[in-house]
Amino acid sequence: PPLVILKTPIKIGDRWISDTKITVKTGSILGHDEAKVVVFETVTTPGGSFKAYRLDHVSKSDTKGEHLSFKYSFWFAPDIGIVKWTRSLADPRDHSADLTAVLTKFIQ
């Protein structure tokens, strides 16, 4: 099954779970994702300021006995799409996998 990043219609408090299996040349990756819509807030990026829903995900995967756990946040602006995305390892002491992607330009 696919990983569900966003369910519509979107509303604060919604929660969902996605279980996934990805097949690659070296085997399979099993994933479990728990998501919730947390807040509707203003988020500022180089592309502008947007009213957006923040969706928080905790994603756990297992491949060949290696367990990884990530925290993701997505800011979804209605009629625009995802304007910001962050990822970090679930262990707050480890920042080796931290990523942030933002909308840099928006033209209407």
C-alpha atoms as a PDB file:
ATOM      1  CA  PRO A   1       0.000   0.000   0.000  1.00  0.00           C
ATOM      2  CA  PRO A   2       1.100   3.594  -0.533  1.00  0.00           C
ATOM      3  CA  LEU A   3       2.363   5.931   2.171  1.00  0.00           C
ATOM      4  CA  VAL A   4      -0.409   8.429   2.936  1.00  0.00           C
ATOM      5  CA  ILE A   5       1.120  11.879   3.476  1.00  0.00           C
ATOM      6  CA  LEU A   6      -2.138  13.838   3.360  1.00  0.00           C
ATOM      7  CA  LYS A   7      -5.826  12.958   3.549  1.00  0.00           C
ATOM      8  CA  THR A   8      -8.505  15.294   2.266  1.00  0.00           C
ATOM      9  CA  PRO A   9     -10.638  16.998   3.287  1.00  0.00           C
ATOM     10  CA  ILE A  10      -8.065  18.089   5.840  1.00  0.00           C
ATOM     11  CA  LYS A  11      -8.985  19.114   9.382  1.00  0.00           C
ATOM     12  CA  ILE A  12      -7.097  19.647  12.621  1.00  0.00           C
ATOM     13  CA  GLY A  13      -7.079  16.558  14.805  1.00  0.00           C
ATOM     14  CA  ASP A  14      -7.276  14.016  11.968  1.00  0.00           C
ATOM     15  CA  ARG A  15      -5.005  10.973  12.415  1.00  0.00           C
ATOM     16  CA  TRP A  16      -4.136   8.013  10.225  1.00  0.00           C
ATOM     17  CA  ILE A  17      -1.737   5.089   9.928  1.00  0.00           C
ATOM     18  CA  SER A  18       0.043   3.800   6.815  1.00  0.00           C
ATOM     19  CA  ASP A  19       1.849   0.478   6.552  1.00  0.00           C
ATOM     20  CA  THR A  20       4.058   0.100   3.500  1.00  0.00           C
ATOM     21  CA  LYS A  21       6.333  -2.415   1.853  1.00  0.00           C
ATOM     22  CA  ILE A  22       8.882  -1.240  -0.687  1.00  0.00           C
ATOM     23  CA  THR A  23      10.724  -3.819  -2.758  1.00  0.00           C
ATOM     24  CA  VAL A  24      14.258  -2.945  -3.834  1.00  0.00           C
ATOM     25  CA  LYS A  25      17.032  -5.000  -5.450  1.00  0.00           C
ATOM     26  CA  THR A  26      18.494  -5.923  -2.066  1.00  0.00           C
ATOM     27  CA  GLY A  27      15.204  -6.939  -0.428  1.00  0.00           C
ATOM     28  CA  SER A  28      12.200  -5.283   1.162  1.00  0.00           C
ATOM     29  CA  ILE A  29      11.742  -2.279   3.401  1.00  0.00           C
ATOM     30  CA  LEU A  30       8.780  -2.417   5.762  1.00  0.00           C
ATOM     31  CA  GLY A  31       7.429   0.903   6.959  1.00  0.00           C
ATOM     32  CA  HIS A  32       4.921   2.070   9.546  1.00  0.00           C
ATOM     33  CA  ASP A  33       3.815   5.717   9.601  1.00  0.00           C
ATOM     34  CA  GLU A  34       1.560   7.489  12.089  1.00  0.00           C
ATOM     35  CA  ALA A  35       0.356  10.944  11.099  1.00  0.00           C
ATOM     36  CA  LYS A  36      -1.756  13.726  12.553  1.00  0.00           C
ATOM     37  CA  VAL A  37      -2.910  17.194  11.509  1.00  0.00           C
ATOM     38  CA  VAL A  38      -1.659  19.430  14.305  1.00  0.00           C
ATOM     39  CA  VAL A  39      -2.390  23.105  13.590  1.00  0.00           C
ATOM     40  CA  PHE A  40      -3.283  25.699  10.939  1.00  0.00           C
ATOM     41  CA  GLU A  41      -0.573  28.358  11.130  1.00  0.00           C
ATOM     42  CA  THR A  42       1.435  30.881   9.163  1.00  0.00           C
ATOM     43  CA  VAL A  43       4.719  29.523   7.816  1.00  0.00           C
ATOM     44  CA  THR A  44       7.298  31.766   6.168  1.00  0.00           C
ATOM     45  CA  THR A  45       9.634  30.542   3.429  1.00  0.00           C
ATOM     46  CA  PRO A  46      11.811  32.374   0.891  1.00  0.00           C
ATOM     47  CA  GLY A  47       8.819  31.997  -1.456  1.00  0.00           C
ATOM     48  CA  GLY A  48       6.485  33.935   0.857  1.00  0.00           C
ATOM     49  CA  SER A  49       4.279  33.538   3.922  1.00  0.00           C
ATOM     50  CA  PHE A  50       1.451  31.007   3.753  1.00  0.00           C
ATOM     51  CA  LYS A  51      -1.434  29.854   5.942  1.00  0.00           C
ATOM     52  CA  ALA A  52      -0.817  26.124   6.138  1.00  0.00           C
ATOM     53  CA  TYR A  53      -1.763  22.963   7.996  1.00  0.00           C
ATOM     54  CA  ARG A  54       1.152  21.328   9.804  1.00  0.00           C
ATOM     55  CA  LEU A  55       1.097  17.547   9.590  1.00  0.00           C
ATOM     56  CA  ASP A  56       3.405  15.607  11.899  1.00  0.00           C
ATOM     57  CA  HIS A  57       4.467  12.074  10.993  1.00  0.00           C
ATOM     58  CA  VAL A  58       6.472   9.464  12.882  1.00  0.00           C
ATOM     59  CA  SER A  59       7.846   6.926  10.441  1.00  0.00           C
ATOM     60  CA  LYS A  60       9.503   3.652  11.416  1.00  0.00           C
ATOM     61  CA  SER A  61      11.182   1.337   8.948  1.00  0.00           C
ATOM     62  CA  ASP A  62      12.868  -2.027   9.136  1.00  0.00           C
ATOM     63  CA  THR A  63      15.252  -3.372   6.535  1.00  0.00           C
ATOM     64  CA  LYS A  64      17.464  -6.399   7.103  1.00  0.00           C
ATOM     65  CA  GLY A  65      17.152  -6.017  10.872  1.00  0.00           C
ATOM     66  CA  GLU A  66      18.071  -2.321  10.872  1.00  0.00           C
ATOM     67  CA  HIS A  67      15.431  -0.155  12.529  1.00  0.00           C
ATOM     68  CA  LEU A  68      15.137   3.550  11.755  1.00  0.00           C
ATOM     69  CA  SER A  69      12.689   6.063  13.155  1.00  0.00           C
ATOM     70  CA  PHE A  70      12.159   9.518  11.665  1.00  0.00           C
ATOM     71  CA  LYS A  71       9.982  12.489  12.500  1.00  0.00           C
ATOM     72  CA  TYR A  72       8.594  14.457   9.567  1.00  0.00           C
ATOM     73  CA  SER A  73       6.574  17.655   9.434  1.00  0.00           C
ATOM     74  CA  PHE A  74       4.821  18.923   6.317  1.00  0.00           C
ATOM     75  CA  TRP A  75       3.192  22.338   5.927  1.00  0.00           C
ATOM     76  CA  PHE A  76       0.347  22.091   3.417  1.00  0.00           C
ATOM     77  CA  ALA A  77      -1.143  25.344   2.119  1.00  0.00           C
ATOM     78  CA  PRO A  78      -4.593  24.849   0.544  1.00  0.00           C
ATOM     79  CA  ASP A  79      -4.680  25.586  -3.213  1.00  0.00           C
ATOM     80  CA  ILE A  80      -0.847  25.667  -3.259  1.00  0.00           C
ATOM     81  CA  GLY A  81       0.540  22.391  -1.867  1.00  0.00           C
ATOM     82  CA  ILE A  82       3.440  21.540   0.425  1.00  0.00           C
ATOM     83  CA  VAL A  83       5.424  24.718   1.162  1.00  0.00           C
ATOM     84  CA  LYS A  84       7.794  23.322   3.801  1.00  0.00           C
ATOM     85  CA  TRP A  85       9.032  19.893   4.851  1.00  0.00           C
ATOM     86  CA  THR A  86      11.361  18.817   7.647  1.00  0.00           C
ATOM     87  CA  ARG A  87      12.853  15.468   8.638  1.00  0.00           C
ATOM     88  CA  SER A  88      14.872  14.392  11.658  1.00  0.00           C
ATOM     89  CA  LEU A  89      15.786  11.159  13.372  1.00  0.00           C
ATOM     90  CA  ALA A  90      13.465  10.354  16.264  1.00  0.00           C
ATOM     91  CA  ASP A  91      16.476  10.493  18.616  1.00  0.00           C
ATOM     92  CA  PRO A  92      16.713  14.238  19.461  1.00  0.00           C
ATOM     93  CA  ARG A  93      20.470  13.895  20.152  1.00  0.00           C
ATOM     94  CA  ASP A  94      21.245  12.752  16.588  1.00  0.00           C
ATOM     95  CA  HIS A  95      21.023  15.444  13.904  1.00  0.00           C
ATOM     96  CA  SER A  96      22.931  13.508  11.228  1.00  0.00           C
ATOM     97  CA  ALA A  97      19.860  13.031   9.040  1.00  0.00           C
ATOM     98  CA  ASP A  98      18.142  16.402   9.524  1.00  0.00           C
ATOM     99  CA  LEU A  99      16.713  17.893   6.337  1.00  0.00           C
ATOM    100  CA  THR A 100      14.565  20.912   5.551  1.00  0.00           C
ATOM    101  CA  ALA A 101      13.014  21.753   2.181  1.00  0.00           C
ATOM    102  CA  VAL A 102      11.100  24.985   1.562  1.00  0.00           C
ATOM    103  CA  LEU A 103       9.302  26.682  -1.278  1.00  0.00           C
ATOM    104  CA  THR A 104      11.757  29.251  -2.669  1.00  0.00           C
ATOM    105  CA  LYS A 105       9.566  30.913  -5.276  1.00  0.00           C
ATOM    106  CA  PHE A 106       5.811  31.121  -5.824  1.00  0.00           C
ATOM    107  CA  ILE A 107       4.175  32.732  -8.835  1.00  0.00           C
ATOM    108  CA  GLN A 108       0.390  33.008  -9.026  1.00  0.00           C
END
